[in-house]
Protein backbone atom coordinates (compact mmCIF):
# COMPACT_ATOMS: atom_id res chain seq x y z
CA UNK A 1 -241.52 315.76 -18.38
CA UNK A 2 -244.42 317.87 -16.59
CA UNK A 3 -242.86 316.96 -13.29
CA UNK A 4 -239.48 318.34 -14.40
CA UNK A 5 -240.85 321.41 -15.64
CA UNK A 6 -242.99 322.09 -12.52
CA UNK A 7 -239.71 321.49 -10.53
CA UNK A 8 -237.73 324.15 -12.90
CA UNK A 9 -240.40 326.55 -12.19
CA UNK A 10 -240.61 325.81 -8.53
CA UNK A 11 -236.87 326.19 -8.08
CA UNK A 12 -236.95 329.39 -10.16
CA UNK A 13 -239.69 330.94 -7.98
CA UNK A 14 -237.89 329.85 -4.77
CA UNK A 15 -234.39 331.68 -5.74
CA UNK A 16 -236.72 334.70 -6.69
CA UNK A 17 -238.43 334.71 -3.19
CA UNK A 18 -235.07 334.03 -1.45
CA UNK A 19 -233.42 336.97 -3.45
CA UNK A 20 -236.55 339.30 -2.48
CA UNK A 21 -236.54 338.27 0.92
CA UNK A 22 -232.82 339.32 1.21
CA UNK A 23 -233.40 342.73 -0.65
CA UNK A 24 -236.35 343.34 1.71
CA UNK A 25 -234.45 342.20 5.01
CA UNK A 26 -231.70 344.51 3.90
CA UNK A 27 -234.14 347.31 3.32
CA UNK A 28 -235.54 346.88 6.78
CA UNK A 29 -232.27 346.81 8.14
CA UNK A 30 -230.91 349.92 6.26
CA UNK A 31 -234.09 351.62 7.71
CA UNK A 32 -233.42 350.71 11.01
CA UNK A 33 -229.88 351.80 11.08
CA UNK A 34 -231.00 355.23 10.05
CA UNK A 35 -232.77 357.89 12.20
CA UNK A 36 -234.48 359.27 9.19
CA UNK A 37 -238.46 359.67 9.75
CA UNK A 38 -240.22 358.32 6.66
CA UNK A 39 -243.10 360.55 7.17
CA UNK A 40 -241.12 363.80 7.31
CA UNK A 41 -238.04 362.54 5.06
CA UNK A 42 -238.26 363.77 1.34
CA UNK A 43 -236.61 360.22 0.69
CA UNK A 44 -239.39 358.60 2.95
CA UNK A 45 -242.02 358.21 0.27
CA UNK A 46 -239.40 356.32 -2.16
CA UNK A 47 -238.37 354.26 0.86
CA UNK A 48 -242.17 353.33 1.66
CA UNK A 49 -242.71 352.62 -2.07
CA UNK A 50 -239.86 350.54 -2.35
CA UNK A 51 -240.79 348.57 0.77
CA UNK A 52 -244.29 347.62 -0.34
CA UNK A 53 -243.04 347.05 -4.08
CA UNK A 54 -240.67 344.36 -2.45
CA UNK A 55 -243.21 342.95 0.11
CA UNK A 56 -245.66 342.33 -3.13
CA UNK A 57 -243.18 340.70 -5.21
CA UNK A 58 -242.12 338.34 -2.43
CA UNK A 59 -245.96 337.46 -1.53
CA UNK A 60 -246.38 336.82 -5.33
CA UNK A 61 -243.25 334.59 -5.65
CA UNK A 62 -244.21 332.65 -2.49
CA UNK A 63 -247.83 332.28 -4.19
CA UNK A 64 -245.90 330.92 -7.35
CA UNK A 65 -244.27 328.27 -5.22
CA UNK A 66 -247.56 327.28 -3.90
CA UNK A 67 -249.22 327.03 -7.07
CA UNK A 68 -246.33 324.69 -8.14
CA UNK A 69 -246.51 322.61 -5.12
CA UNK A 70 -250.38 322.28 -5.64
CA UNK A 71 -249.74 321.07 -9.32
CA UNK A 72 -247.24 318.68 -8.08
CA UNK A 73 -249.64 317.06 -5.55
CA UNK A 74 -252.23 316.75 -8.60
CA UNK A 75 -249.69 315.05 -10.68
CA UNK A 76 -249.18 312.51 -7.91
CA UNK A 77 -252.63 312.02 -7.43
CA UNK A 78 -253.39 311.69 -11.17
CA UNK A 79 -255.51 314.69 -11.28
CA UNK A 80 -253.27 316.89 -12.99
CA UNK A 81 -254.60 318.56 -16.21
CA UNK A 82 -258.14 318.09 -15.24
CA UNK A 83 -260.45 321.01 -14.29
CA UNK A 84 -261.29 320.89 -10.77
CA UNK A 85 -264.55 322.92 -11.39
CA UNK A 86 -266.16 320.83 -14.56
CA UNK A 87 -263.91 317.64 -14.44
CA UNK A 88 -263.06 318.08 -18.21
CA UNK A 89 -259.46 318.10 -19.32
CA UNK A 90 -257.56 321.26 -19.41
CA UNK A 91 -256.39 322.48 -22.79
CA UNK A 92 -252.67 321.58 -23.71
CA UNK A 93 -251.88 325.08 -24.85
CA UNK A 94 -253.35 326.40 -21.37
CA UNK A 95 -251.26 323.98 -19.38
CA UNK A 96 -248.13 324.88 -21.73
CA UNK A 97 -248.58 328.55 -20.68
CA UNK A 98 -249.69 328.10 -17.07
CA UNK A 99 -248.64 324.49 -16.09
CA UNK A 100 -250.15 324.90 -12.80
CA UNK A 101 -253.58 325.77 -14.02
CA UNK A 102 -256.45 324.04 -11.90
CA UNK A 103 -259.36 325.35 -14.49
CA UNK A 104 -260.12 324.88 -18.22
CA UNK A 105 -260.57 328.16 -20.04
CA UNK A 106 -264.31 327.94 -19.90
CA UNK A 107 -264.13 327.69 -15.99
CA UNK A 108 -261.51 330.02 -15.53
């Protein structure tokens, strides 16, 4: 059951990352096709902000995929739900909210 939930979360994060990547590539392409100078263009700050925001969101989505992959490896190894710091079980409530948690509340 936990594997299914992790795979569902991974698929969602991958889809989000793919969409953000497409959006970012489209923004770069639009900027390339324009002769606007971001520094002197009144819209330049907006474009720069949008680029930075998309880049940060894409990095976060890719990080979620990596966290889920790591949790799946722990499931396979039989160490899922065990705190990597103290070795005690991670609470069910924590795992329900954050199924890729690596540490119990006390160690987090």
